[in-house]
């Protein structure tokens, strides 16, 4: 596998959300990044989104901006930025690279925005890949459930959606009971983790369900890469060190051939760059540059999580 590179363009800084947690400082924290020429992704939007919704976003931006929903801001150039976020993610899916984009996407539904997300970048890219009869594993390690992505592919057996996320937390679902419907039953794996979950339990949960992901034998792994599980993140309460992101990248490299990613969350601008570069270095088999003390989970929580994981394994194993 060739080295994963960052796909970035300054247009993503033009999605102006002011002092909102999801703001341009997230990408500015990475310093002076090399720009990539990216195609406008407007022609791909209908693979996932309804025409009326696309029109609504465009009109709101053209009118100077406003709120799509209580959490999701649109500015004058947000529609343009969101189109290029889609285009960059499509590009990443063709080249096995990392689309460093804003606005993020995995909460967006076909006819509505949600959770800072305008267009569902990862789902649009996966839909495009499905046109070529590919089987896709979506690993969503953003620590909020990607509810827009999960719901859209809930009945599909061509897409295995696998999420590790804090629960309870926004958007409110993502339990072990949600395993898919119809042909997609068994193809939706939710790993809900309580606040305070550390590196030890997180890695066990990831490794426990890795054999199912391998048995699915995907042609491509699509990653919704969010770094809000870090212990110092502003919006969630997991207790992960930055080491975990290197480990995720390393596990992906050792088990799958074709991998691409797009940015979702991660809101502490001091720790986000280290987490991101750890993930990329893990995939690229480079030395881990950023390290900190490994974190552990409270014994009582560890016991409860183990019981939940065993219950989930029993539910899912019927289909594998």
C-alpha atoms as a PDB file:
ATOM      1  CA  UNK A   1       0.000   0.000   0.000  1.00  0.00           C
ATOM      2  CA  UNK A   2       1.334   3.463  -0.895  1.00  0.00           C
ATOM      3  CA  UNK A   3       1.787   6.087   1.813  1.00  0.00           C
ATOM      4  CA  UNK A   4      -1.345   7.923   2.945  1.00  0.00           C
ATOM      5  CA  UNK A   5      -1.102  11.647   2.233  1.00  0.00           C
ATOM      6  CA  UNK A   6      -3.217  14.580   3.370  1.00  0.00           C
ATOM      7  CA  UNK A   7      -5.625  16.173   0.896  1.00  0.00           C
ATOM      8  CA  UNK A   8      -6.239  19.781   1.933  1.00  0.00           C
ATOM      9  CA  UNK A   9      -7.351  23.067   0.431  1.00  0.00           C
ATOM     10  CA  UNK A  10      -7.778  26.501   2.024  1.00  0.00           C
ATOM     11  CA  UNK A  11     -11.399  26.560   0.915  1.00  0.00           C
ATOM     12  CA  UNK A  12     -12.119  24.515   4.048  1.00  0.00           C
ATOM     13  CA  UNK A  13     -11.136  27.528   6.159  1.00  0.00           C
ATOM     14  CA  UNK A  14     -13.894  29.555   4.487  1.00  0.00           C
ATOM     15  CA  UNK A  15     -16.622  27.619   6.304  1.00  0.00           C
ATOM     16  CA  UNK A  16     -16.937  30.394   8.885  1.00  0.00           C
ATOM     17  CA  UNK A  17     -18.540  29.217  12.137  1.00  0.00           C
ATOM     18  CA  UNK A  18     -17.109  31.892  14.440  1.00  0.00           C
ATOM     19  CA  UNK A  19     -16.485  30.632  17.984  1.00  0.00           C
ATOM     20  CA  UNK A  20     -18.378  27.374  17.420  1.00  0.00           C
ATOM     21  CA  UNK A  21     -16.473  24.243  18.614  1.00  0.00           C
ATOM     22  CA  UNK A  22     -16.175  23.136  14.966  1.00  0.00           C
ATOM     23  CA  UNK A  23     -14.238  26.112  13.601  1.00  0.00           C
ATOM     24  CA  UNK A  24     -11.370  26.892  11.242  1.00  0.00           C
ATOM     25  CA  UNK A  25      -8.798  26.823  14.072  1.00  0.00           C
ATOM     26  CA  UNK A  26      -9.004  23.023  13.968  1.00  0.00           C
ATOM     27  CA  UNK A  27      -7.206  23.014  10.621  1.00  0.00           C
ATOM     28  CA  UNK A  28      -5.110  26.117  11.251  1.00  0.00           C
ATOM     29  CA  UNK A  29      -3.587  24.250  14.218  1.00  0.00           C
ATOM     30  CA  UNK A  30      -1.822  22.016  11.688  1.00  0.00           C
ATOM     31  CA  UNK A  31       0.232  24.902  10.368  1.00  0.00           C
ATOM     32  CA  UNK A  32       1.002  25.691   6.741  1.00  0.00           C
ATOM     33  CA  UNK A  33      -0.275  22.660   4.844  1.00  0.00           C
ATOM     34  CA  UNK A  34       0.390  21.998   1.190  1.00  0.00           C
ATOM     35  CA  UNK A  35      -2.730  22.603  -0.891  1.00  0.00           C
ATOM     36  CA  UNK A  36      -4.238  20.046  -3.223  1.00  0.00           C
ATOM     37  CA  UNK A  37      -6.288  20.814  -6.305  1.00  0.00           C
ATOM     38  CA  UNK A  38      -9.732  19.329  -5.625  1.00  0.00           C
ATOM     39  CA  UNK A  39     -12.793  18.910  -7.785  1.00  0.00           C
ATOM     40  CA  UNK A  40     -16.142  20.440  -6.899  1.00  0.00           C
ATOM     41  CA  UNK A  41     -18.264  17.584  -5.523  1.00  0.00           C
ATOM     42  CA  UNK A  42     -21.683  19.019  -6.413  1.00  0.00           C
ATOM     43  CA  UNK A  43     -22.389  16.358  -9.048  1.00  0.00           C
ATOM     44  CA  UNK A  44     -22.048  13.638  -6.401  1.00  0.00           C
ATOM     45  CA  UNK A  45     -24.490  15.075  -3.840  1.00  0.00           C
ATOM     46  CA  UNK A  46     -27.537  13.284  -5.251  1.00  0.00           C
ATOM     47  CA  UNK A  47     -25.910   9.919  -4.492  1.00  0.00           C
ATOM     48  CA  UNK A  48     -27.027  10.538  -0.912  1.00  0.00           C
ATOM     49  CA  UNK A  49     -28.922  13.807  -0.494  1.00  0.00           C
ATOM     50  CA  UNK A  50     -32.407  14.957  -1.545  1.00  0.00           C
ATOM     51  CA  UNK A  51     -32.629  17.795  -4.075  1.00  0.00           C
ATOM     52  CA  UNK A  52     -34.728  20.007  -1.791  1.00  0.00           C
ATOM     53  CA  UNK A  53     -32.141  19.793   0.966  1.00  0.00           C
ATOM     54  CA  UNK A  54     -29.233  20.581  -1.373  1.00  0.00           C
ATOM     55  CA  UNK A  55     -31.175  23.611  -2.642  1.00  0.00           C
ATOM     56  CA  UNK A  56     -31.888  24.751   0.921  1.00  0.00           C
ATOM     57  CA  UNK A  57     -28.203  24.722   1.853  1.00  0.00           C
ATOM     58  CA  UNK A  58     -27.240  26.602  -1.301  1.00  0.00           C
ATOM     59  CA  UNK A  59     -29.899  29.294  -0.849  1.00  0.00           C
ATOM     60  CA  UNK A  60     -28.999  29.821   2.814  1.00  0.00           C
ATOM     61  CA  UNK A  61     -25.333  30.344   1.886  1.00  0.00           C
ATOM     62  CA  UNK A  62     -26.202  32.687  -0.989  1.00  0.00           C
ATOM     63  CA  UNK A  63     -28.368  34.758   1.344  1.00  0.00           C
ATOM     64  CA  UNK A  64     -25.407  35.312   3.672  1.00  0.00           C
ATOM     65  CA  UNK A  65     -25.765  32.320   5.977  1.00  0.00           C
ATOM     66  CA  UNK A  66     -27.617  31.243   9.083  1.00  0.00           C
ATOM     67  CA  UNK A  67     -28.456  28.029  10.920  1.00  0.00           C
ATOM     68  CA  UNK A  68     -29.444  24.797   9.188  1.00  0.00           C
ATOM     69  CA  UNK A  69     -30.283  23.414  12.628  1.00  0.00           C
ATOM     70  CA  UNK A  70     -29.452  24.562  16.188  1.00  0.00           C
ATOM     71  CA  UNK A  71     -25.939  23.035  15.950  1.00  0.00           C
ATOM     72  CA  UNK A  72     -25.015  23.568  12.301  1.00  0.00           C
ATOM     73  CA  UNK A  73     -23.941  26.968  10.975  1.00  0.00           C
ATOM     74  CA  UNK A  74     -23.821  28.060   7.343  1.00  0.00           C
ATOM     75  CA  UNK A  75     -21.792  31.076   6.234  1.00  0.00           C
ATOM     76  CA  UNK A  76     -21.518  32.757   2.843  1.00  0.00           C
ATOM     77  CA  UNK A  77     -18.932  30.261   1.522  1.00  0.00           C
ATOM     78  CA  UNK A  78     -20.031  27.168   3.479  1.00  0.00           C
ATOM     79  CA  UNK A  79     -21.869  25.629   0.530  1.00  0.00           C
ATOM     80  CA  UNK A  80     -18.730  25.934  -1.602  1.00  0.00           C
ATOM     81  CA  UNK A  81     -16.545  24.504   1.184  1.00  0.00           C
ATOM     82  CA  UNK A  82     -18.970  21.627   1.688  1.00  0.00           C
ATOM     83  CA  UNK A  83     -18.905  20.799  -2.035  1.00  0.00           C
ATOM     84  CA  UNK A  84     -15.112  20.601  -1.965  1.00  0.00           C
ATOM     85  CA  UNK A  85     -15.258  18.488   1.213  1.00  0.00           C
ATOM     86  CA  UNK A  86     -17.262  15.978  -0.809  1.00  0.00           C
ATOM     87  CA  UNK A  87     -14.852  16.290  -3.745  1.00  0.00           C
ATOM     88  CA  UNK A  88     -11.824  15.771  -1.489  1.00  0.00           C
ATOM     89  CA  UNK A  89     -13.356  12.671   0.083  1.00  0.00           C
ATOM     90  CA  UNK A  90     -14.138  11.225  -3.360  1.00  0.00           C
ATOM     91  CA  UNK A  91     -10.540  11.957  -4.325  1.00  0.00           C
ATOM     92  CA  UNK A  92      -9.263  10.257  -1.152  1.00  0.00           C
ATOM     93  CA  UNK A  93     -11.362   7.180  -1.973  1.00  0.00           C
ATOM     94  CA  UNK A  94      -9.624   6.888  -5.348  1.00  0.00           C
ATOM     95  CA  UNK A  95      -6.090   7.448  -4.056  1.00  0.00           C
ATOM     96  CA  UNK A  96      -6.112   5.868  -0.555  1.00  0.00           C
ATOM     97  CA  UNK A  97      -5.467   9.210   1.122  1.00  0.00           C
ATOM     98  CA  UNK A  98      -6.789  11.330   4.015  1.00  0.00           C
ATOM     99  CA  UNK A  99      -9.266  14.127   3.217  1.00  0.00           C
ATOM    100  CA  UNK A 100      -8.646  16.843   5.791  1.00  0.00           C
ATOM    101  CA  UNK A 101     -11.957  18.641   5.363  1.00  0.00           C
ATOM    102  CA  UNK A 102     -14.567  20.848   6.951  1.00  0.00           C
ATOM    103  CA  UNK A 103     -17.499  20.789   7.363  1.00  0.00           C
ATOM    104  CA  UNK A 104     -17.575  17.207   8.651  1.00  0.00           C
ATOM    105  CA  UNK A 105     -20.250  14.813   7.461  1.00  0.00           C
ATOM    106  CA  UNK A 106     -21.222  11.624   9.283  1.00  0.00           C
ATOM    107  CA  UNK A 107     -24.241  13.060  11.152  1.00  0.00           C
ATOM    108  CA  UNK A 108     -25.853  14.444   7.982  1.00  0.00           C
ATOM    109  CA  UNK A 109     -28.966  12.648   6.713  1.00  0.00           C
ATOM    110  CA  UNK A 110     -30.337  12.689   3.154  1.00  0.00           C
ATOM    111  CA  UNK A 111     -32.794  15.501   3.870  1.00  0.00           C
ATOM    112  CA  UNK A 112     -31.318  17.281   6.898  1.00  0.00           C
ATOM    113  CA  UNK A 113     -28.160  18.502   8.567  1.00  0.00           C
ATOM    114  CA  UNK A 114     -27.149  17.458  12.063  1.00  0.00           C
ATOM    115  CA  UNK A 115     -24.286  17.792  14.542  1.00  0.00           C
ATOM    116  CA  UNK A 116     -22.149  20.359  12.617  1.00  0.00           C
ATOM    117  CA  UNK A 117     -22.455  18.238   9.426  1.00  0.00           C
ATOM    118  CA  UNK A 118     -23.769  19.580   6.113  1.00  0.00           C
ATOM    119  CA  UNK A 119     -23.187  16.874   3.481  1.00  0.00           C
ATOM    120  CA  UNK A 120     -22.308  13.290   4.381  1.00  0.00           C
ATOM    121  CA  UNK A 121     -18.845  13.107   2.825  1.00  0.00           C
ATOM    122  CA  UNK A 122     -18.057   9.487   3.712  1.00  0.00           C
ATOM    123  CA  UNK A 123     -21.448   8.133   2.630  1.00  0.00           C
ATOM    124  CA  UNK A 124     -21.310   9.904  -0.718  1.00  0.00           C
ATOM    125  CA  UNK A 125     -17.860   8.442  -1.392  1.00  0.00           C
ATOM    126  CA  UNK A 126     -19.045   4.968  -0.376  1.00  0.00           C
ATOM    127  CA  UNK A 127     -22.109   5.261  -2.598  1.00  0.00           C
ATOM    128  CA  UNK A 128     -19.838   6.098  -5.498  1.00  0.00           C
ATOM    129  CA  UNK A 129     -17.662   3.050  -4.780  1.00  0.00           C
ATOM    130  CA  UNK A 130     -20.738   0.818  -4.659  1.00  0.00           C
ATOM    131  CA  UNK A 131     -21.377   1.715  -8.296  1.00  0.00           C
ATOM    132  CA  UNK A 132     -18.268  -0.354  -9.044  1.00  0.00           C
ATOM    133  CA  UNK A 133     -19.679  -3.321  -7.086  1.00  0.00           C
ATOM    134  CA  UNK A 134     -17.257  -2.913  -4.227  1.00  0.00           C
ATOM    135  CA  UNK A 135     -17.747  -4.175  -0.672  1.00  0.00           C
ATOM    136  CA  UNK A 136     -16.991  -1.427   1.812  1.00  0.00           C
ATOM    137  CA  UNK A 137     -16.113  -1.508   5.497  1.00  0.00           C
ATOM    138  CA  UNK A 138     -16.815   1.820   7.175  1.00  0.00           C
ATOM    139  CA  UNK A 139     -14.837   2.204  10.384  1.00  0.00           C
ATOM    140  CA  UNK A 140     -16.181   5.209  12.264  1.00  0.00           C
ATOM    141  CA  UNK A 141     -13.915   5.943  15.228  1.00  0.00           C
ATOM    142  CA  UNK A 142     -15.254   9.427  15.803  1.00  0.00           C
ATOM    143  CA  UNK A 143     -16.551   9.190  19.352  1.00  0.00           C
ATOM    144  CA  UNK A 144     -20.032  10.306  18.381  1.00  0.00           C
ATOM    145  CA  UNK A 145     -22.092   7.757  16.453  1.00  0.00           C
ATOM    146  CA  UNK A 146     -22.261   8.620  12.756  1.00  0.00           C
ATOM    147  CA  UNK A 147     -26.031   8.303  12.728  1.00  0.00           C
ATOM    148  CA  UNK A 148     -26.522   9.622   9.200  1.00  0.00           C
ATOM    149  CA  UNK A 149     -24.107   7.046   7.785  1.00  0.00           C
ATOM    150  CA  UNK A 150     -25.379   4.194   9.940  1.00  0.00           C
ATOM    151  CA  UNK A 151     -29.031   4.800   9.067  1.00  0.00           C
ATOM    152  CA  UNK A 152     -28.414   5.139   5.338  1.00  0.00           C
ATOM    153  CA  UNK A 153     -26.672   1.757   5.016  1.00  0.00           C
ATOM    154  CA  UNK A 154     -28.768   0.012   7.675  1.00  0.00           C
ATOM    155  CA  UNK A 155     -30.356  -2.419   5.205  1.00  0.00           C
ATOM    156  CA  UNK A 156     -27.270  -3.065   3.082  1.00  0.00           C
ATOM    157  CA  UNK A 157     -25.081  -6.169   3.101  1.00  0.00           C
ATOM    158  CA  UNK A 158     -22.550  -4.489   0.806  1.00  0.00           C
ATOM    159  CA  UNK A 159     -21.502  -2.109   3.561  1.00  0.00           C
ATOM    160  CA  UNK A 160     -20.369  -3.121   7.042  1.00  0.00           C
ATOM    161  CA  UNK A 161     -20.694  -0.130   9.372  1.00  0.00           C
ATOM    162  CA  UNK A 162     -18.549  -0.409  12.508  1.00  0.00           C
ATOM    163  CA  UNK A 163     -18.584   2.360  15.108  1.00  0.00           C
ATOM    164  CA  UNK A 164     -16.850   2.862  18.443  1.00  0.00           C
ATOM    165  CA  UNK A 165     -18.434   5.769  20.302  1.00  0.00           C
ATOM    166  CA  UNK A 166     -19.311   7.214  23.672  1.00  0.00           C
ATOM    167  CA  UNK A 167     -22.745   6.298  24.989  1.00  0.00           C
ATOM    168  CA  UNK A 168     -24.743   8.060  26.230  1.00  0.00           C
ATOM    169  CA  UNK A 169     -23.860  11.064  24.084  1.00  0.00           C
ATOM    170  CA  UNK A 170     -25.130  12.903  21.005  1.00  0.00           C
ATOM    171  CA  UNK A 171     -26.953  11.802  18.849  1.00  0.00           C
ATOM    172  CA  UNK A 172     -28.520   9.510  21.457  1.00  0.00           C
ATOM    173  CA  UNK A 173     -28.532   6.154  19.697  1.00  0.00           C
ATOM    174  CA  UNK A 174     -25.917   3.565  18.796  1.00  0.00           C
ATOM    175  CA  UNK A 175     -26.735   0.702  21.156  1.00  0.00           C
ATOM    176  CA  UNK A 176     -25.744  -2.937  20.725  1.00  0.00           C
ATOM    177  CA  UNK A 177     -29.340  -3.744  19.725  1.00  0.00           C
ATOM    178  CA  UNK A 178     -28.975  -1.743  16.485  1.00  0.00           C
ATOM    179  CA  UNK A 179     -27.441  -4.391  14.223  1.00  0.00           C
ATOM    180  CA  UNK A 180     -29.144  -3.627  10.892  1.00  0.00           C
ATOM    181  CA  UNK A 181     -32.336  -4.679   9.140  1.00  0.00           C
ATOM    182  CA  UNK A 182     -33.378  -6.985   6.301  1.00  0.00           C
ATOM    183  CA  UNK A 183     -30.335  -7.882   4.151  1.00  0.00           C
ATOM    184  CA  UNK A 184     -28.252  -5.622   6.370  1.00  0.00           C
ATOM    185  CA  UNK A 185     -28.960  -7.485   9.587  1.00  0.00           C
ATOM    186  CA  UNK A 186     -25.618  -8.190  11.217  1.00  0.00           C
ATOM    187  CA  UNK A 187     -23.870  -5.522   9.139  1.00  0.00           C
ATOM    188  CA  UNK A 188     -24.140  -2.714  11.693  1.00  0.00           C
ATOM    189  CA  UNK A 189     -21.793  -3.029  14.675  1.00  0.00           C
ATOM    190  CA  UNK A 190     -22.138  -0.472  17.436  1.00  0.00           C
ATOM    191  CA  UNK A 191     -19.632  -0.473  20.282  1.00  0.00           C
ATOM    192  CA  UNK A 192     -21.062   1.935  22.889  1.00  0.00           C
ATOM    193  CA  UNK A 193     -18.481   2.982  25.477  1.00  0.00           C
ATOM    194  CA  UNK A 194     -19.248   4.807  28.736  1.00  0.00           C
ATOM    195  CA  UNK A 195     -17.553   8.041  29.773  1.00  0.00           C
ATOM    196  CA  UNK A 196     -14.159   7.306  31.297  1.00  0.00           C
ATOM    197  CA  UNK A 197     -13.274   4.453  28.937  1.00  0.00           C
ATOM    198  CA  UNK A 198      -9.477   4.250  28.599  1.00  0.00           C
ATOM    199  CA  UNK A 199      -6.971   2.830  26.140  1.00  0.00           C
ATOM    200  CA  UNK A 200      -7.057  -0.677  27.634  1.00  0.00           C
ATOM    201  CA  UNK A 201     -10.759  -1.357  27.091  1.00  0.00           C
ATOM    202  CA  UNK A 202     -10.928   0.549  23.801  1.00  0.00           C
ATOM    203  CA  UNK A 203      -8.233  -1.634  22.252  1.00  0.00           C
ATOM    204  CA  UNK A 204      -9.867  -4.830  23.514  1.00  0.00           C
ATOM    205  CA  UNK A 205     -13.175  -3.757  21.983  1.00  0.00           C
ATOM    206  CA  UNK A 206     -11.517  -2.952  18.658  1.00  0.00           C
ATOM    207  CA  UNK A 207      -9.604  -6.230  18.487  1.00  0.00           C
ATOM    208  CA  UNK A 208     -12.592  -8.305  19.626  1.00  0.00           C
ATOM    209  CA  UNK A 209     -14.639  -7.416  16.522  1.00  0.00           C
ATOM    210  CA  UNK A 210     -11.752  -7.217  14.045  1.00  0.00           C
ATOM    211  CA  UNK A 211     -12.267 -10.868  12.940  1.00  0.00           C
ATOM    212  CA  UNK A 212     -15.791  -9.998  11.728  1.00  0.00           C
ATOM    213  CA  UNK A 213     -14.455  -7.056   9.723  1.00  0.00           C
ATOM    214  CA  UNK A 214     -11.832  -9.342   8.172  1.00  0.00           C
ATOM    215  CA  UNK A 215     -14.381 -12.053   7.441  1.00  0.00           C
ATOM    216  CA  UNK A 216     -16.473  -9.463   5.606  1.00  0.00           C
ATOM    217  CA  UNK A 217     -13.397  -9.167   3.368  1.00  0.00           C
ATOM    218  CA  UNK A 218     -13.935  -5.586   2.162  1.00  0.00           C
ATOM    219  CA  UNK A 219     -12.470  -4.310  -1.059  1.00  0.00           C
ATOM    220  CA  UNK A 220     -11.978  -0.920   0.571  1.00  0.00           C
ATOM    221  CA  UNK A 221     -11.978   0.449   4.123  1.00  0.00           C
ATOM    222  CA  UNK A 222     -13.549   3.897   4.464  1.00  0.00           C
ATOM    223  CA  UNK A 223     -12.688   5.672   7.713  1.00  0.00           C
ATOM    224  CA  UNK A 224     -14.704   8.371   9.442  1.00  0.00           C
ATOM    225  CA  UNK A 225     -11.771   9.709  11.424  1.00  0.00           C
ATOM    226  CA  UNK A 226     -12.757  11.704  14.484  1.00  0.00           C
ATOM    227  CA  UNK A 227     -10.329  12.482  17.298  1.00  0.00           C
ATOM    228  CA  UNK A 228     -12.834  13.564  19.958  1.00  0.00           C
ATOM    229  CA  UNK A 229     -12.232  10.448  22.059  1.00  0.00           C
ATOM    230  CA  UNK A 230      -9.007  11.966  23.369  1.00  0.00           C
ATOM    231  CA  UNK A 231      -9.107  12.604  27.110  1.00  0.00           C
ATOM    232  CA  UNK A 232      -8.712  16.368  26.650  1.00  0.00           C
ATOM    233  CA  UNK A 233     -11.430  16.804  24.029  1.00  0.00           C
ATOM    234  CA  UNK A 234     -13.923  19.584  24.698  1.00  0.00           C
ATOM    235  CA  UNK A 235     -17.178  17.810  23.843  1.00  0.00           C
ATOM    236  CA  UNK A 236     -16.883  14.229  25.126  1.00  0.00           C
ATOM    237  CA  UNK A 237     -15.697  12.327  28.176  1.00  0.00           C
ATOM    238  CA  UNK A 238     -13.775   9.325  26.961  1.00  0.00           C
ATOM    239  CA  UNK A 239     -10.310   8.866  28.432  1.00  0.00           C
ATOM    240  CA  UNK A 240      -8.149   7.933  25.448  1.00  0.00           C
ATOM    241  CA  UNK A 241      -4.514   8.891  24.997  1.00  0.00           C
ATOM    242  CA  UNK A 242      -3.133  10.017  21.641  1.00  0.00           C
ATOM    243  CA  UNK A 243      -1.401   6.608  21.419  1.00  0.00           C
ATOM    244  CA  UNK A 244      -4.727   4.973  20.549  1.00  0.00           C
ATOM    245  CA  UNK A 245      -4.862   6.679  17.158  1.00  0.00           C
ATOM    246  CA  UNK A 246      -1.485   5.298  16.172  1.00  0.00           C
ATOM    247  CA  UNK A 247      -2.723   1.838  17.167  1.00  0.00           C
ATOM    248  CA  UNK A 248      -5.879   2.191  15.055  1.00  0.00           C
ATOM    249  CA  UNK A 249      -3.786   3.142  12.023  1.00  0.00           C
ATOM    250  CA  UNK A 250      -1.404   0.265  12.672  1.00  0.00           C
ATOM    251  CA  UNK A 251      -4.223  -2.285  12.966  1.00  0.00           C
ATOM    252  CA  UNK A 252      -5.780  -1.071   9.713  1.00  0.00           C
ATOM    253  CA  UNK A 253      -2.442  -1.307   7.880  1.00  0.00           C
ATOM    254  CA  UNK A 254      -1.768  -4.822   9.103  1.00  0.00           C
ATOM    255  CA  UNK A 255      -5.207  -6.165   8.170  1.00  0.00           C
ATOM    256  CA  UNK A 256      -6.446  -4.299   5.091  1.00  0.00           C
ATOM    257  CA  UNK A 257      -4.989  -3.162   1.776  1.00  0.00           C
ATOM    258  CA  UNK A 258      -7.089  -0.231   0.535  1.00  0.00           C
ATOM    259  CA  UNK A 259      -7.813   2.445   3.126  1.00  0.00           C
ATOM    260  CA  UNK A 260      -8.954   6.040   2.861  1.00  0.00           C
ATOM    261  CA  UNK A 261     -10.211   8.493   5.470  1.00  0.00           C
ATOM    262  CA  UNK A 262     -12.046  11.762   5.902  1.00  0.00           C
ATOM    263  CA  UNK A 263     -12.028  14.056   8.914  1.00  0.00           C
ATOM    264  CA  UNK A 264     -14.964  14.187  11.296  1.00  0.00           C
ATOM    265  CA  UNK A 265     -14.545  15.516  14.868  1.00  0.00           C
ATOM    266  CA  UNK A 266     -11.744  16.418  17.266  1.00  0.00           C
ATOM    267  CA  UNK A 267     -12.108  19.797  18.966  1.00  0.00           C
ATOM    268  CA  UNK A 268      -9.053  20.419  21.149  1.00  0.00           C
ATOM    269  CA  UNK A 269      -6.700  22.291  18.828  1.00  0.00           C
ATOM    270  CA  UNK A 270      -3.718  21.564  21.113  1.00  0.00           C
ATOM    271  CA  UNK A 271      -4.045  17.773  20.951  1.00  0.00           C
ATOM    272  CA  UNK A 272      -5.790  17.259  17.608  1.00  0.00           C
ATOM    273  CA  UNK A 273      -2.653  17.576  15.411  1.00  0.00           C
ATOM    274  CA  UNK A 274      -0.771  14.930  17.428  1.00  0.00           C
ATOM    275  CA  UNK A 275      -3.730  12.534  17.283  1.00  0.00           C
ATOM    276  CA  UNK A 276      -4.128  13.033  13.533  1.00  0.00           C
ATOM    277  CA  UNK A 277      -0.445  12.546  12.723  1.00  0.00           C
ATOM    278  CA  UNK A 278      -0.292   9.483  14.971  1.00  0.00           C
ATOM    279  CA  UNK A 279      -3.124   7.909  12.984  1.00  0.00           C
ATOM    280  CA  UNK A 280      -1.476   8.640   9.642  1.00  0.00           C
ATOM    281  CA  UNK A 281       1.922   7.406  10.872  1.00  0.00           C
ATOM    282  CA  UNK A 282       0.273   4.199  12.106  1.00  0.00           C
ATOM    283  CA  UNK A 283      -1.156   3.517   8.656  1.00  0.00           C
ATOM    284  CA  UNK A 284       2.113   4.452   6.945  1.00  0.00           C
ATOM    285  CA  UNK A 285       4.287   2.266   9.188  1.00  0.00           C
ATOM    286  CA  UNK A 286       6.215   5.310  10.361  1.00  0.00           C
ATOM    287  CA  UNK A 287       7.593   5.764  13.881  1.00  0.00           C
ATOM    288  CA  UNK A 288       5.053   7.097  16.391  1.00  0.00           C
ATOM    289  CA  UNK A 289       6.089  10.710  16.965  1.00  0.00           C
ATOM    290  CA  UNK A 290       3.659  11.723  19.701  1.00  0.00           C
ATOM    291  CA  UNK A 291       3.309   9.716  22.893  1.00  0.00           C
ATOM    292  CA  UNK A 292       1.729  10.100  26.295  1.00  0.00           C
ATOM    293  CA  UNK A 293       0.930   7.881  29.243  1.00  0.00           C
ATOM    294  CA  UNK A 294      -1.514   5.078  28.446  1.00  0.00           C
ATOM    295  CA  UNK A 295      -4.890   5.365  30.122  1.00  0.00           C
ATOM    296  CA  UNK A 296      -6.839   2.758  32.049  1.00  0.00           C
ATOM    297  CA  UNK A 297     -10.520   2.136  32.729  1.00  0.00           C
ATOM    298  CA  UNK A 298     -12.136   1.901  36.141  1.00  0.00           C
ATOM    299  CA  UNK A 299     -12.539  -1.765  37.199  1.00  0.00           C
ATOM    300  CA  UNK A 300     -16.330  -1.577  37.546  1.00  0.00           C
ATOM    301  CA  UNK A 301     -16.731   0.042  34.142  1.00  0.00           C
ATOM    302  CA  UNK A 302     -14.369  -2.513  32.646  1.00  0.00           C
ATOM    303  CA  UNK A 303     -16.567  -5.328  33.917  1.00  0.00           C
ATOM    304  CA  UNK A 304     -19.779  -3.754  32.548  1.00  0.00           C
ATOM    305  CA  UNK A 305     -18.202  -3.096  29.147  1.00  0.00           C
ATOM    306  CA  UNK A 306     -16.962  -6.685  28.933  1.00  0.00           C
ATOM    307  CA  UNK A 307     -20.494  -7.958  29.576  1.00  0.00           C
ATOM    308  CA  UNK A 308     -21.887  -5.648  26.876  1.00  0.00           C
ATOM    309  CA  UNK A 309     -19.246  -6.721  24.371  1.00  0.00           C
ATOM    310  CA  UNK A 310     -19.997 -10.387  25.005  1.00  0.00           C
ATOM    311  CA  UNK A 311     -23.689  -9.721  24.499  1.00  0.00           C
ATOM    312  CA  UNK A 312     -22.983  -7.870  21.251  1.00  0.00           C
ATOM    313  CA  UNK A 313     -20.707 -10.666  20.043  1.00  0.00           C
ATOM    314  CA  UNK A 314     -23.511 -13.157  20.617  1.00  0.00           C
ATOM    315  CA  UNK A 315     -25.986 -11.023  18.652  1.00  0.00           C
ATOM    316  CA  UNK A 316     -23.623 -10.437  15.720  1.00  0.00           C
ATOM    317  CA  UNK A 317     -22.035 -13.893  15.514  1.00  0.00           C
ATOM    318  CA  UNK A 318     -25.327 -15.370  14.287  1.00  0.00           C
ATOM    319  CA  UNK A 319     -24.686 -13.630  10.978  1.00  0.00           C
ATOM    320  CA  UNK A 320     -20.986 -14.487  10.716  1.00  0.00           C
END
